[in-house]
Amino acid sequence: MSWSVGQVARFAGVTVRTLHHYDEIGLLHPSGRSGSGHRRYDDADLDRLQQILFYRELGFPLEEVAVLLDDPDVDPRAHLRRQHELLSARITRLQEMAAAVERAMEAKKMGINLTPEEKFELFGDFDPDDHAEETEQRWGGTDAYKESQRRAASYTKEDWQRIQREADEVNARFVALMEAGEEPESEAAMAAAEEHRRWISSNHYDCSYEMHTGLAEMYVTDERFTRNIDRARPGLAAYLREAILANAVRHL
């Protein structure tokens, strides 16, 4: 089977002009021509076009793409493996960026007071101040927000590093419980939930059991929190929610 340049352009989501350009520079010559001289593309051409578009999406210049695809020592499977590795690296980077945004939002909610250099060191390539509006709308009128602002105003970079380290330790405890097959309603999981609540109370604001269960619901209903928590282990946000609810029930 073969396809016209217009059909291929529609398949690939590119313009006819782009395909003409690829032909002119020798990057993608159509394998055939119609009786009237129009370009016709076969399966092999489409495979090559897919490879070209993968590399272009990854930021490779066309000249380098041509060199890569025309290397006689590299088979198509090697290209796919390399592209998979590059795409995986990009996905990881985007996930890290998304997590940095979420940490920045949380930092602003807590009234972080760091220098620009310290913000970059702790939170990556995003300024917490960029997310002030949503934080103010969601929590600005609460006593907990005011208390977290008051405490955070006095925190140093070392304080924030300690707080993050303690949070990582609590998460690691939950992950270990999950991997050990402990139910979220178990004594061990509820003890971890209590430790989580006390960590919030010690560092941010007085977290009652009612407030703690509210946070637990947010962990699974707000996809940003879910993604960030589940970075430690898939399903952690839901497990944390169940453990927090069980712990609250036994205390209330």
Protein backbone atom coordinates (compact mmCIF):
# COMPACT_ATOMS: atom_id res chain seq x y z
CA MET A 1 0.00 0.00 0.00
CA SER A 2 1.06 3.57 -0.53
CA TRP A 3 -0.27 6.94 0.50
CA SER A 4 -0.28 10.43 -0.95
CA VAL A 5 1.56 13.32 0.64
CA GLY A 6 -1.73 14.77 1.84
CA GLN A 7 -2.76 11.52 3.51
CA VAL A 8 0.60 11.16 5.25
CA ALA A 9 0.43 14.74 6.44
CA ARG A 10 -2.94 14.01 8.05
CA PHE A 11 -1.70 10.75 9.61
CA ALA A 12 1.35 12.39 11.14
CA GLY A 13 -0.13 15.75 12.09
CA VAL A 14 2.35 17.71 9.98
CA THR A 15 1.94 19.94 6.95
CA VAL A 16 2.42 18.97 3.33
CA ARG A 17 5.04 21.69 3.18
CA THR A 18 7.00 19.93 5.96
CA LEU A 19 7.01 16.67 4.01
CA HIS A 20 8.13 18.49 0.86
CA HIS A 21 10.96 20.05 2.89
CA TYR A 22 12.05 16.68 4.28
CA ASP A 23 12.18 15.36 0.73
CA GLU A 24 14.15 18.33 -0.56
CA ILE A 25 16.85 18.04 2.13
CA GLY A 26 17.13 14.26 1.73
CA LEU A 27 15.70 13.41 5.14
CA LEU A 28 12.64 11.54 3.86
CA HIS A 29 12.37 10.62 0.21
CA PRO A 30 9.05 9.01 -0.74
CA SER A 31 9.59 5.50 -2.09
CA GLY A 32 7.42 5.98 -5.13
CA ARG A 33 5.66 8.32 -7.50
CA SER A 34 2.23 8.20 -9.03
CA GLY A 35 1.73 8.12 -12.80
CA SER A 36 1.41 11.89 -12.70
CA GLY A 37 4.61 12.29 -10.67
CA HIS A 38 3.09 12.87 -7.24
CA ARG A 39 4.83 11.55 -4.12
CA ARG A 40 3.71 8.18 -2.75
CA TYR A 41 4.79 6.90 0.69
CA ASP A 42 4.90 3.25 1.79
CA ASP A 43 5.08 1.61 5.24
CA ALA A 44 8.85 1.99 5.48
CA ASP A 45 8.53 5.71 4.73
CA LEU A 46 5.96 6.07 7.50
CA ASP A 47 8.26 4.26 9.93
CA ARG A 48 11.09 6.63 9.07
CA LEU A 49 8.80 9.64 9.43
CA GLN A 50 7.77 8.44 12.87
CA GLN A 51 11.44 8.22 13.87
CA ILE A 52 12.06 11.71 12.53
CA LEU A 53 9.15 13.17 14.47
CA PHE A 54 10.25 11.40 17.68
CA TYR A 55 13.70 12.93 17.44
CA ARG A 56 12.30 16.33 16.50
CA GLU A 57 10.04 16.24 19.57
CA LEU A 58 13.13 15.53 21.65
CA GLY A 59 14.81 18.65 20.27
CA PHE A 60 17.27 17.14 17.79
CA PRO A 61 18.11 19.33 14.76
CA LEU A 62 17.22 17.85 11.38
CA GLU A 63 20.86 17.49 10.37
CA GLU A 64 21.56 15.32 13.40
CA VAL A 65 18.39 13.31 12.85
CA ALA A 66 19.55 12.47 9.34
CA VAL A 67 22.93 11.29 10.63
CA LEU A 68 21.30 9.13 13.29
CA LEU A 69 18.80 7.50 10.96
CA ASP A 70 21.30 6.88 8.16
CA ASP A 71 23.91 5.25 10.41
CA PRO A 72 24.29 1.75 8.91
CA ASP A 73 25.45 0.34 12.24
CA VAL A 74 22.21 1.19 14.07
CA ASP A 75 19.07 -0.88 13.52
CA PRO A 76 15.50 0.46 14.01
CA ARG A 77 15.13 -1.29 17.36
CA ALA A 78 18.16 0.58 18.67
CA HIS A 79 16.50 3.85 17.68
CA LEU A 80 13.36 2.87 19.54
CA ARG A 81 15.34 1.94 22.64
CA ARG A 82 17.23 5.22 22.56
CA GLN A 83 14.06 7.23 22.06
CA HIS A 84 12.39 5.38 24.91
CA GLU A 85 15.30 6.27 27.19
CA LEU A 86 15.21 9.92 26.13
CA LEU A 87 11.44 10.15 26.53
CA SER A 88 11.62 8.48 29.93
CA ALA A 89 14.23 11.00 31.01
CA ARG A 90 12.00 13.84 29.81
CA ILE A 91 9.00 12.39 31.65
CA THR A 92 11.05 12.13 34.82
CA ARG A 93 12.17 15.74 34.45
CA LEU A 94 8.58 16.92 33.89
CA GLN A 95 7.44 14.98 36.94
CA GLU A 96 10.19 16.63 38.96
CA MET A 97 9.08 20.03 37.69
CA ALA A 98 5.45 19.29 38.59
CA ALA A 99 6.51 18.20 42.06
CA ALA A 100 8.53 21.39 42.43
CA VAL A 101 5.44 23.44 41.57
CA GLU A 102 3.45 21.54 44.19
CA ARG A 103 6.16 22.07 46.81
CA ALA A 104 6.24 25.74 45.89
CA MET A 105 2.48 26.00 46.42
CA GLU A 106 2.76 24.29 49.77
CA ALA A 107 5.68 26.50 50.73
CA LYS A 108 3.69 29.65 50.02
CA LYS A 109 0.75 28.31 52.00
CA MET A 110 3.13 27.96 54.93
CA GLY A 111 4.47 31.49 54.50
CA ILE A 112 7.97 30.53 53.47
CA ASN A 113 10.46 33.32 53.95
CA LEU A 114 13.64 32.39 52.09
CA THR A 115 16.05 34.23 49.87
CA PRO A 116 15.77 33.59 46.12
CA GLU A 117 18.90 31.43 46.23
CA GLU A 118 17.49 29.33 49.05
CA LYS A 119 14.17 28.92 47.25
CA PHE A 120 15.95 27.51 44.22
CA GLU A 121 18.03 25.21 46.38
CA LEU A 122 15.02 23.78 48.22
CA PHE A 123 12.26 23.93 45.64
CA GLY A 124 13.92 23.80 42.23
CA ASP A 125 13.28 26.09 39.31
CA PHE A 126 10.07 27.64 40.60
CA ASP A 127 9.39 30.65 42.80
CA PRO A 128 6.85 29.95 45.58
CA ASP A 129 5.60 33.51 45.27
CA ASP A 130 4.12 32.62 41.87
CA HIS A 131 1.44 30.53 43.60
CA ALA A 132 0.27 32.94 46.28
CA GLU A 133 -3.18 33.61 44.84
CA GLU A 134 -4.53 30.05 44.99
CA THR A 135 -3.09 29.55 48.46
CA GLU A 136 -4.71 32.72 49.72
CA GLN A 137 -8.07 31.80 48.22
CA ARG A 138 -8.10 28.29 49.70
CA TRP A 139 -6.69 28.88 53.18
CA GLY A 140 -6.25 32.60 53.75
CA GLY A 141 -9.12 33.01 56.22
CA THR A 142 -8.29 30.08 58.49
CA ASP A 143 -6.54 30.15 61.84
CA ALA A 144 -4.31 27.32 60.66
CA TYR A 145 -3.11 29.42 57.72
CA LYS A 146 -2.36 32.36 59.99
CA GLU A 147 -0.51 30.11 62.43
CA SER A 148 1.55 28.51 59.66
CA GLN A 149 2.43 31.97 58.34
CA ARG A 150 3.54 33.09 61.78
CA ARG A 151 5.75 30.04 62.34
CA ALA A 152 7.16 29.96 58.82
CA ALA A 153 8.24 33.59 59.00
CA SER A 154 10.84 32.61 61.58
CA TYR A 155 12.14 29.49 59.84
CA THR A 156 15.61 29.38 58.33
CA LYS A 157 16.79 27.30 55.42
CA GLU A 158 18.06 24.73 57.93
CA ASP A 159 14.60 24.56 59.49
CA TRP A 160 13.01 23.84 56.11
CA GLN A 161 15.60 21.19 55.37
CA ARG A 162 14.86 19.53 58.70
CA ILE A 163 11.10 19.69 58.08
CA GLN A 164 11.51 18.10 54.65
CA ARG A 165 13.80 15.43 56.07
CA GLU A 166 11.25 14.56 58.74
CA ALA A 167 8.50 14.40 56.10
CA ASP A 168 10.60 12.01 54.03
CA GLU A 169 11.10 9.82 57.09
CA VAL A 170 7.36 9.65 57.75
CA ASN A 171 6.70 8.77 54.12
CA ALA A 172 9.40 6.11 54.22
CA ARG A 173 7.70 4.58 57.25
CA PHE A 174 4.40 4.36 55.38
CA VAL A 175 6.10 2.86 52.33
CA ALA A 176 7.75 0.21 54.51
CA LEU A 177 4.38 -0.67 56.02
CA MET A 178 2.81 -0.99 52.57
CA GLU A 179 5.61 -3.21 51.34
CA ALA A 180 5.30 -5.36 54.47
CA GLY A 181 1.60 -5.91 53.70
CA GLU A 182 0.30 -4.01 56.74
CA GLU A 183 -3.31 -2.93 56.41
CA PRO A 184 -3.88 0.85 56.74
CA GLU A 185 -6.16 0.14 59.74
CA SER A 186 -3.40 -1.76 61.56
CA GLU A 187 -1.87 -0.49 64.78
CA ALA A 188 1.43 0.19 63.03
CA ALA A 189 -0.20 2.21 60.25
CA MET A 190 -2.32 4.21 62.69
CA ALA A 191 0.81 4.94 64.73
CA ALA A 192 2.47 6.25 61.58
CA ALA A 193 -0.60 8.39 60.88
CA GLU A 194 -0.36 9.83 64.39
CA GLU A 195 3.30 10.62 63.76
CA HIS A 196 2.25 12.40 60.55
CA ARG A 197 -0.32 14.48 62.43
CA ARG A 198 2.21 15.42 65.10
CA TRP A 199 4.73 16.40 62.42
CA ILE A 200 2.19 18.87 61.03
CA SER A 201 1.39 20.21 64.49
CA SER A 202 5.06 20.59 65.40
CA ASN A 203 6.07 22.42 62.26
CA HIS A 204 3.06 24.16 60.72
CA TYR A 205 -0.13 24.50 62.77
CA ASP A 206 -2.10 22.70 65.45
CA CYS A 207 -3.59 19.83 63.44
CA SER A 208 -6.69 18.38 65.08
CA TYR A 209 -7.99 14.96 64.11
CA GLU A 210 -10.82 16.61 62.19
CA MET A 211 -8.34 18.74 60.24
CA HIS A 212 -6.14 15.71 59.68
CA THR A 213 -8.99 13.80 58.05
CA GLY A 214 -9.71 16.83 55.88
CA LEU A 215 -6.12 16.76 54.67
CA ALA A 216 -6.42 13.02 54.05
CA GLU A 217 -9.37 13.59 51.74
CA MET A 218 -7.46 16.28 49.88
CA TYR A 219 -4.57 13.87 49.34
CA VAL A 220 -6.80 11.69 47.16
CA THR A 221 -9.20 14.26 45.65
CA ASP A 222 -6.59 16.82 44.54
CA GLU A 223 -4.53 15.12 41.85
CA ARG A 224 -1.54 17.38 42.49
CA PHE A 225 -1.23 16.08 46.04
CA THR A 226 -1.88 12.51 44.90
CA ARG A 227 0.86 12.66 42.26
CA ASN A 228 3.35 14.17 44.66
CA ILE A 229 2.68 11.67 47.46
CA ASP A 230 2.58 8.69 45.10
CA ARG A 231 6.05 9.56 43.85
CA ALA A 232 7.35 7.70 46.90
CA ARG A 233 5.22 4.66 46.03
CA PRO A 234 2.14 4.22 43.85
CA GLY A 235 -0.96 4.07 46.03
CA LEU A 236 0.67 5.81 48.98
CA ALA A 237 -1.84 8.70 49.01
CA ALA A 238 -4.81 6.33 49.31
CA TYR A 239 -3.03 4.25 51.95
CA LEU A 240 -2.17 7.38 53.92
CA ARG A 241 -5.80 8.51 53.76
CA GLU A 242 -7.11 5.22 55.15
CA ALA A 243 -4.55 5.19 57.95
CA ILE A 244 -5.35 8.78 58.92
CA LEU A 245 -9.09 8.08 58.98
CA ALA A 246 -8.59 4.95 61.09
CA ASN A 247 -6.37 6.84 63.51
CA ALA A 248 -8.89 9.66 63.83
CA VAL A 249 -11.73 7.22 64.53
CA ARG A 250 -9.91 5.55 67.38
CA HIS A 251 -9.13 8.92 69.00
CA LEU A 252 -12.51 10.53 68.45
